[in-house]
């Protein structure tokens, strides 16, 4: 059991990183990775939502949808769970850290439509993960998202200081960096086969 949880964790963080290997969640990845502070805040919000969403959707799937043969409702139910969690996170962040709330801007409500979160819940259901495995996968996927955001924001902050040619400034260099990061994470793909 612990070995499988370890494999799920390493796989979700490095090998099957939702942003850099599965290319899910690119919108907030590109939008929030300009500053390390906002990237870190978004990363922790995604970790929270992914972990809780995977836990709740695993329970709903196992005890409600599968026994009642209503698997066709997975996507709709999962989106409702994710949207509810994001609303809670948005309220808490606005109350606890107004500066972070302003820095995240439109990207915080966009967690609801972040395909990485729905993708993680659907992938866990598809792989028939248990409640614990699904929760660990959600947490590890969030950590992988945070890792990708921190690396990208660190590079982008450094590039703002450097003399990047004007043709490459902004979105152009961000996509080049994202491509190179994706290639570097591809190196982990031969480590563990799930």
C-alpha atoms as a PDB file:
ATOM      1  CA  UNK A   1       0.000   0.000   0.000  1.00  0.00           C
ATOM      2  CA  UNK A   2       2.725   2.505   0.974  1.00  0.00           C
ATOM      3  CA  UNK A   3       4.696   1.577  -2.125  1.00  0.00           C
ATOM      4  CA  UNK A   4       1.708   2.354  -4.350  1.00  0.00           C
ATOM      5  CA  UNK A   5       1.126   5.684  -2.566  1.00  0.00           C
ATOM      6  CA  UNK A   6       4.809   6.557  -3.057  1.00  0.00           C
ATOM      7  CA  UNK A   7       4.567   5.723  -6.763  1.00  0.00           C
ATOM      8  CA  UNK A   8       1.391   7.804  -7.108  1.00  0.00           C
ATOM      9  CA  UNK A   9       3.094  10.732  -5.336  1.00  0.00           C
ATOM     10  CA  UNK A  10       6.307  10.725  -7.388  1.00  0.00           C
ATOM     11  CA  UNK A  11       4.347  10.163 -10.569  1.00  0.00           C
ATOM     12  CA  UNK A  12       1.952  13.064  -9.932  1.00  0.00           C
ATOM     13  CA  UNK A  13       4.710  15.504  -8.944  1.00  0.00           C
ATOM     14  CA  UNK A  14       7.402  14.755 -11.502  1.00  0.00           C
ATOM     15  CA  UNK A  15       6.517  12.173 -14.129  1.00  0.00           C
ATOM     16  CA  UNK A  16       2.897  13.017 -14.940  1.00  0.00           C
ATOM     17  CA  UNK A  17       2.980  16.641 -13.821  1.00  0.00           C
ATOM     18  CA  UNK A  18      -0.358  18.084 -14.881  1.00  0.00           C
ATOM     19  CA  UNK A  19       1.131  21.276 -16.308  1.00  0.00           C
ATOM     20  CA  UNK A  20       4.415  20.137 -17.791  1.00  0.00           C
ATOM     21  CA  UNK A  21       3.593  16.581 -18.889  1.00  0.00           C
ATOM     22  CA  UNK A  22      -0.183  16.441 -19.351  1.00  0.00           C
ATOM     23  CA  UNK A  23      -0.522  20.114 -20.396  1.00  0.00           C
ATOM     24  CA  UNK A  24      -3.546  20.748 -18.175  1.00  0.00           C
ATOM     25  CA  UNK A  25      -3.951  24.012 -16.261  1.00  0.00           C
ATOM     26  CA  UNK A  26      -1.904  26.077 -18.703  1.00  0.00           C
ATOM     27  CA  UNK A  27      -4.068  29.218 -18.321  1.00  0.00           C
ATOM     28  CA  UNK A  28      -3.288  29.896 -14.641  1.00  0.00           C
ATOM     29  CA  UNK A  29       0.238  28.560 -15.147  1.00  0.00           C
ATOM     30  CA  UNK A  30       1.006  31.219 -17.762  1.00  0.00           C
ATOM     31  CA  UNK A  31      -1.080  33.960 -16.158  1.00  0.00           C
ATOM     32  CA  UNK A  32       0.001  33.754 -12.521  1.00  0.00           C
ATOM     33  CA  UNK A  33       3.648  32.805 -12.976  1.00  0.00           C
ATOM     34  CA  UNK A  34       4.872  36.385 -13.452  1.00  0.00           C
ATOM     35  CA  UNK A  35       5.572  36.920  -9.733  1.00  0.00           C
ATOM     36  CA  UNK A  36       6.713  34.387  -7.170  1.00  0.00           C
ATOM     37  CA  UNK A  37       4.305  35.634  -4.475  1.00  0.00           C
ATOM     38  CA  UNK A  38       1.171  35.248  -6.603  1.00  0.00           C
ATOM     39  CA  UNK A  39       2.426  31.915  -8.011  1.00  0.00           C
ATOM     40  CA  UNK A  40       2.937  30.554  -4.503  1.00  0.00           C
ATOM     41  CA  UNK A  41      -0.498  31.708  -3.363  1.00  0.00           C
ATOM     42  CA  UNK A  42      -2.163  30.183  -6.415  1.00  0.00           C
ATOM     43  CA  UNK A  43      -0.182  26.967  -5.927  1.00  0.00           C
ATOM     44  CA  UNK A  44      -1.367  26.538  -2.352  1.00  0.00           C
ATOM     45  CA  UNK A  45      -4.957  27.311  -3.349  1.00  0.00           C
ATOM     46  CA  UNK A  46      -4.735  24.647  -6.080  1.00  0.00           C
ATOM     47  CA  UNK A  47      -3.223  22.127  -3.629  1.00  0.00           C
ATOM     48  CA  UNK A  48      -6.127  22.691  -1.246  1.00  0.00           C
ATOM     49  CA  UNK A  49      -8.799  22.458  -3.942  1.00  0.00           C
ATOM     50  CA  UNK A  50      -7.202  19.435  -5.645  1.00  0.00           C
ATOM     51  CA  UNK A  51      -6.804  17.503  -2.404  1.00  0.00           C
ATOM     52  CA  UNK A  52     -10.298  18.154  -1.083  1.00  0.00           C
ATOM     53  CA  UNK A  53     -11.918  17.782  -4.525  1.00  0.00           C
ATOM     54  CA  UNK A  54     -10.253  14.418  -5.134  1.00  0.00           C
ATOM     55  CA  UNK A  55     -11.240  13.208  -1.662  1.00  0.00           C
ATOM     56  CA  UNK A  56     -14.874  14.279  -1.990  1.00  0.00           C
ATOM     57  CA  UNK A  57     -15.263  13.092  -5.581  1.00  0.00           C
ATOM     58  CA  UNK A  58     -13.748   9.708  -4.666  1.00  0.00           C
ATOM     59  CA  UNK A  59     -16.354   9.276  -1.932  1.00  0.00           C
ATOM     60  CA  UNK A  60     -19.210  10.421  -4.157  1.00  0.00           C
ATOM     61  CA  UNK A  61     -18.040   8.156  -6.958  1.00  0.00           C
ATOM     62  CA  UNK A  62     -17.526   5.093  -4.745  1.00  0.00           C
ATOM     63  CA  UNK A  63     -20.638   5.356  -2.559  1.00  0.00           C
ATOM     64  CA  UNK A  64     -23.140   7.103  -4.818  1.00  0.00           C
ATOM     65  CA  UNK A  65     -22.419   7.114  -8.551  1.00  0.00           C
ATOM     66  CA  UNK A  66     -21.062   3.578  -9.022  1.00  0.00           C
ATOM     67  CA  UNK A  67     -23.597   1.723  -6.813  1.00  0.00           C
ATOM     68  CA  UNK A  68     -26.486   3.578  -8.458  1.00  0.00           C
ATOM     69  CA  UNK A  69     -24.965   3.044 -11.933  1.00  0.00           C
ATOM     70  CA  UNK A  70     -24.857   6.791 -12.513  1.00  0.00           C
ATOM     71  CA  UNK A  71     -21.263   7.052 -13.710  1.00  0.00           C
ATOM     72  CA  UNK A  72     -22.417   9.177 -16.624  1.00  0.00           C
ATOM     73  CA  UNK A  73     -22.933  12.030 -14.123  1.00  0.00           C
ATOM     74  CA  UNK A  74     -19.279  12.056 -12.982  1.00  0.00           C
ATOM     75  CA  UNK A  75     -18.265  15.150 -14.910  1.00  0.00           C
ATOM     76  CA  UNK A  76     -21.279  17.216 -13.819  1.00  0.00           C
ATOM     77  CA  UNK A  77     -21.043  16.194 -10.145  1.00  0.00           C
ATOM     78  CA  UNK A  78     -17.279  16.680 -10.074  1.00  0.00           C
ATOM     79  CA  UNK A  79     -17.595  20.195 -11.546  1.00  0.00           C
ATOM     80  CA  UNK A  80     -20.201  21.098  -8.902  1.00  0.00           C
ATOM     81  CA  UNK A  81     -17.897  19.891  -6.116  1.00  0.00           C
ATOM     82  CA  UNK A  82     -14.930  21.817  -7.556  1.00  0.00           C
ATOM     83  CA  UNK A  83     -16.963  25.006  -8.038  1.00  0.00           C
ATOM     84  CA  UNK A  84     -18.178  24.858  -4.432  1.00  0.00           C
ATOM     85  CA  UNK A  85     -14.648  24.378  -3.110  1.00  0.00           C
ATOM     86  CA  UNK A  86     -13.299  27.253  -5.193  1.00  0.00           C
ATOM     87  CA  UNK A  87     -15.981  29.557  -3.809  1.00  0.00           C
ATOM     88  CA  UNK A  88     -14.902  28.627  -0.283  1.00  0.00           C
ATOM     89  CA  UNK A  89     -11.230  29.228  -1.143  1.00  0.00           C
ATOM     90  CA  UNK A  90     -12.063  32.569  -2.751  1.00  0.00           C
ATOM     91  CA  UNK A  91     -13.975  33.740   0.339  1.00  0.00           C
ATOM     92  CA  UNK A  92     -11.161  32.643   2.675  1.00  0.00           C
ATOM     93  CA  UNK A  93      -8.365  34.215   0.589  1.00  0.00           C
ATOM     94  CA  UNK A  94     -10.305  37.478   0.272  1.00  0.00           C
ATOM     95  CA  UNK A  95     -10.782  37.596   4.060  1.00  0.00           C
ATOM     96  CA  UNK A  96      -7.307  36.397   5.125  1.00  0.00           C
ATOM     97  CA  UNK A  97      -5.092  38.024   2.479  1.00  0.00           C
ATOM     98  CA  UNK A  98      -6.675  40.817   0.435  1.00  0.00           C
ATOM     99  CA  UNK A  99      -3.316  41.529  -1.239  1.00  0.00           C
ATOM    100  CA  UNK A 100      -3.055  37.940  -2.489  1.00  0.00           C
ATOM    101  CA  UNK A 101      -6.699  38.073  -3.562  1.00  0.00           C
ATOM    102  CA  UNK A 102      -5.954  41.169  -5.669  1.00  0.00           C
ATOM    103  CA  UNK A 103      -2.733  39.645  -7.053  1.00  0.00           C
ATOM    104  CA  UNK A 104      -4.517  36.470  -8.162  1.00  0.00           C
ATOM    105  CA  UNK A 105      -7.292  38.495  -9.762  1.00  0.00           C
ATOM    106  CA  UNK A 106      -9.397  36.585 -12.266  1.00  0.00           C
ATOM    107  CA  UNK A 107      -7.218  33.477 -11.972  1.00  0.00           C
ATOM    108  CA  UNK A 108      -8.630  32.520  -8.574  1.00  0.00           C
ATOM    109  CA  UNK A 109     -12.208  31.993  -9.831  1.00  0.00           C
ATOM    110  CA  UNK A 110     -10.707  30.313 -12.895  1.00  0.00           C
ATOM    111  CA  UNK A 111      -9.591  27.433 -10.652  1.00  0.00           C
ATOM    112  CA  UNK A 112     -13.187  26.266 -11.105  1.00  0.00           C
ATOM    113  CA  UNK A 113     -12.576  25.754 -14.812  1.00  0.00           C
ATOM    114  CA  UNK A 114      -8.972  24.639 -14.372  1.00  0.00           C
ATOM    115  CA  UNK A 115      -8.902  21.440 -16.361  1.00  0.00           C
ATOM    116  CA  UNK A 116      -6.098  20.069 -14.141  1.00  0.00           C
ATOM    117  CA  UNK A 117      -8.484  19.846 -11.195  1.00  0.00           C
ATOM    118  CA  UNK A 118     -11.268  18.155 -13.122  1.00  0.00           C
ATOM    119  CA  UNK A 119      -8.667  16.021 -14.899  1.00  0.00           C
ATOM    120  CA  UNK A 120      -7.249  14.783 -11.589  1.00  0.00           C
ATOM    121  CA  UNK A 121     -10.679  13.821 -10.277  1.00  0.00           C
ATOM    122  CA  UNK A 122     -11.644  12.053 -13.498  1.00  0.00           C
ATOM    123  CA  UNK A 123      -8.253  10.322 -13.763  1.00  0.00           C
ATOM    124  CA  UNK A 124      -8.528   9.018 -10.205  1.00  0.00           C
ATOM    125  CA  UNK A 125     -12.021   7.697 -10.965  1.00  0.00           C
ATOM    126  CA  UNK A 126     -10.830   6.156 -14.239  1.00  0.00           C
ATOM    127  CA  UNK A 127      -7.929   4.393 -12.483  1.00  0.00           C
ATOM    128  CA  UNK A 128     -10.353   3.217  -9.771  1.00  0.00           C
ATOM    129  CA  UNK A 129      -8.246   4.694  -6.989  1.00  0.00           C
ATOM    130  CA  UNK A 130      -9.406   4.222  -3.433  1.00  0.00           C
ATOM    131  CA  UNK A 131     -10.267   7.202  -1.241  1.00  0.00           C
ATOM    132  CA  UNK A 132      -6.708   7.351   0.157  1.00  0.00           C
ATOM    133  CA  UNK A 133      -5.059   6.900  -3.238  1.00  0.00           C
ATOM    134  CA  UNK A 134      -7.283   9.550  -4.791  1.00  0.00           C
ATOM    135  CA  UNK A 135      -6.582  12.011  -1.971  1.00  0.00           C
ATOM    136  CA  UNK A 136      -2.814  11.406  -2.192  1.00  0.00           C
ATOM    137  CA  UNK A 137      -2.953  11.832  -5.952  1.00  0.00           C
ATOM    138  CA  UNK A 138      -4.846  15.117  -5.568  1.00  0.00           C
ATOM    139  CA  UNK A 139      -2.351  16.442  -3.035  1.00  0.00           C
ATOM    140  CA  UNK A 140       0.670  15.319  -5.062  1.00  0.00           C
ATOM    141  CA  UNK A 141      -0.794  16.766  -8.267  1.00  0.00           C
ATOM    142  CA  UNK A 142      -1.227  20.077  -6.455  1.00  0.00           C
ATOM    143  CA  UNK A 143       2.371  19.943  -5.245  1.00  0.00           C
ATOM    144  CA  UNK A 144       3.460  19.278  -8.832  1.00  0.00           C
ATOM    145  CA  UNK A 145       1.417  22.282  -9.969  1.00  0.00           C
ATOM    146  CA  UNK A 146       3.023  24.425  -7.239  1.00  0.00           C
ATOM    147  CA  UNK A 147       6.496  23.195  -8.223  1.00  0.00           C
ATOM    148  CA  UNK A 148       5.889  24.085 -11.866  1.00  0.00           C
ATOM    149  CA  UNK A 149       4.540  27.534 -10.892  1.00  0.00           C
ATOM    150  CA  UNK A 150       7.478  28.299  -8.597  1.00  0.00           C
ATOM    151  CA  UNK A 151      10.078  27.242 -11.165  1.00  0.00           C
ATOM    152  CA  UNK A 152       8.353  29.193 -13.920  1.00  0.00           C
ATOM    153  CA  UNK A 153       7.855  32.335 -11.821  1.00  0.00           C
ATOM    154  CA  UNK A 154      11.483  32.269 -10.669  1.00  0.00           C
ATOM    155  CA  UNK A 155      12.670  32.078 -14.258  1.00  0.00           C
ATOM    156  CA  UNK A 156      10.252  34.778 -15.431  1.00  0.00           C
ATOM    157  CA  UNK A 157      11.290  37.155 -12.629  1.00  0.00           C
ATOM    158  CA  UNK A 158      14.927  36.604 -13.594  1.00  0.00           C
ATOM    159  CA  UNK A 159      14.160  37.194 -17.279  1.00  0.00           C
ATOM    160  CA  UNK A 160      12.542  40.551 -16.426  1.00  0.00           C
ATOM    161  CA  UNK A 161      15.907  41.693 -15.075  1.00  0.00           C
ATOM    162  CA  UNK A 162      17.976  40.304 -17.954  1.00  0.00           C
ATOM    163  CA  UNK A 163      18.367  41.903 -21.352  1.00  0.00           C
ATOM    164  CA  UNK A 164      15.937  39.764 -23.336  1.00  0.00           C
ATOM    165  CA  UNK A 165      15.510  41.009 -26.924  1.00  0.00           C
ATOM    166  CA  UNK A 166      12.269  42.940 -27.339  1.00  0.00           C
ATOM    167  CA  UNK A 167      10.898  40.365 -29.798  1.00  0.00           C
ATOM    168  CA  UNK A 168      10.990  37.700 -27.096  1.00  0.00           C
ATOM    169  CA  UNK A 169       9.728  39.724 -24.116  1.00  0.00           C
ATOM    170  CA  UNK A 170       6.460  38.794 -22.455  1.00  0.00           C
ATOM    171  CA  UNK A 171       4.427  35.868 -23.684  1.00  0.00           C
ATOM    172  CA  UNK A 172       6.951  34.716 -26.293  1.00  0.00           C
ATOM    173  CA  UNK A 173       9.733  34.003 -23.818  1.00  0.00           C
ATOM    174  CA  UNK A 174       7.210  32.540 -21.362  1.00  0.00           C
ATOM    175  CA  UNK A 175       6.137  29.933 -23.917  1.00  0.00           C
ATOM    176  CA  UNK A 176       9.766  29.135 -24.773  1.00  0.00           C
ATOM    177  CA  UNK A 177      10.579  28.663 -21.080  1.00  0.00           C
ATOM    178  CA  UNK A 178       7.457  26.517 -20.587  1.00  0.00           C
ATOM    179  CA  UNK A 179       8.502  24.335 -23.524  1.00  0.00           C
ATOM    180  CA  UNK A 180      12.005  23.884 -22.125  1.00  0.00           C
ATOM    181  CA  UNK A 181      10.608  23.088 -18.665  1.00  0.00           C
ATOM    182  CA  UNK A 182       8.282  20.548 -20.219  1.00  0.00           C
ATOM    183  CA  UNK A 183      11.212  18.921 -21.993  1.00  0.00           C
ATOM    184  CA  UNK A 184      13.174  18.789 -18.757  1.00  0.00           C
ATOM    185  CA  UNK A 185      10.293  17.075 -16.948  1.00  0.00           C
ATOM    186  CA  UNK A 186      10.053  14.628 -19.838  1.00  0.00           C
ATOM    187  CA  UNK A 187      13.376  13.255 -18.573  1.00  0.00           C
ATOM    188  CA  UNK A 188      11.557  11.821 -15.552  1.00  0.00           C
ATOM    189  CA  UNK A 189       9.162   9.810 -17.730  1.00  0.00           C
ATOM    190  CA  UNK A 190      11.254   6.653 -17.709  1.00  0.00           C
ATOM    191  CA  UNK A 191      11.544   6.459 -13.922  1.00  0.00           C
ATOM    192  CA  UNK A 192       8.308   4.776 -12.840  1.00  0.00           C
ATOM    193  CA  UNK A 193       5.645   3.030 -14.841  1.00  0.00           C
ATOM    194  CA  UNK A 194       2.213   3.230 -13.190  1.00  0.00           C
END
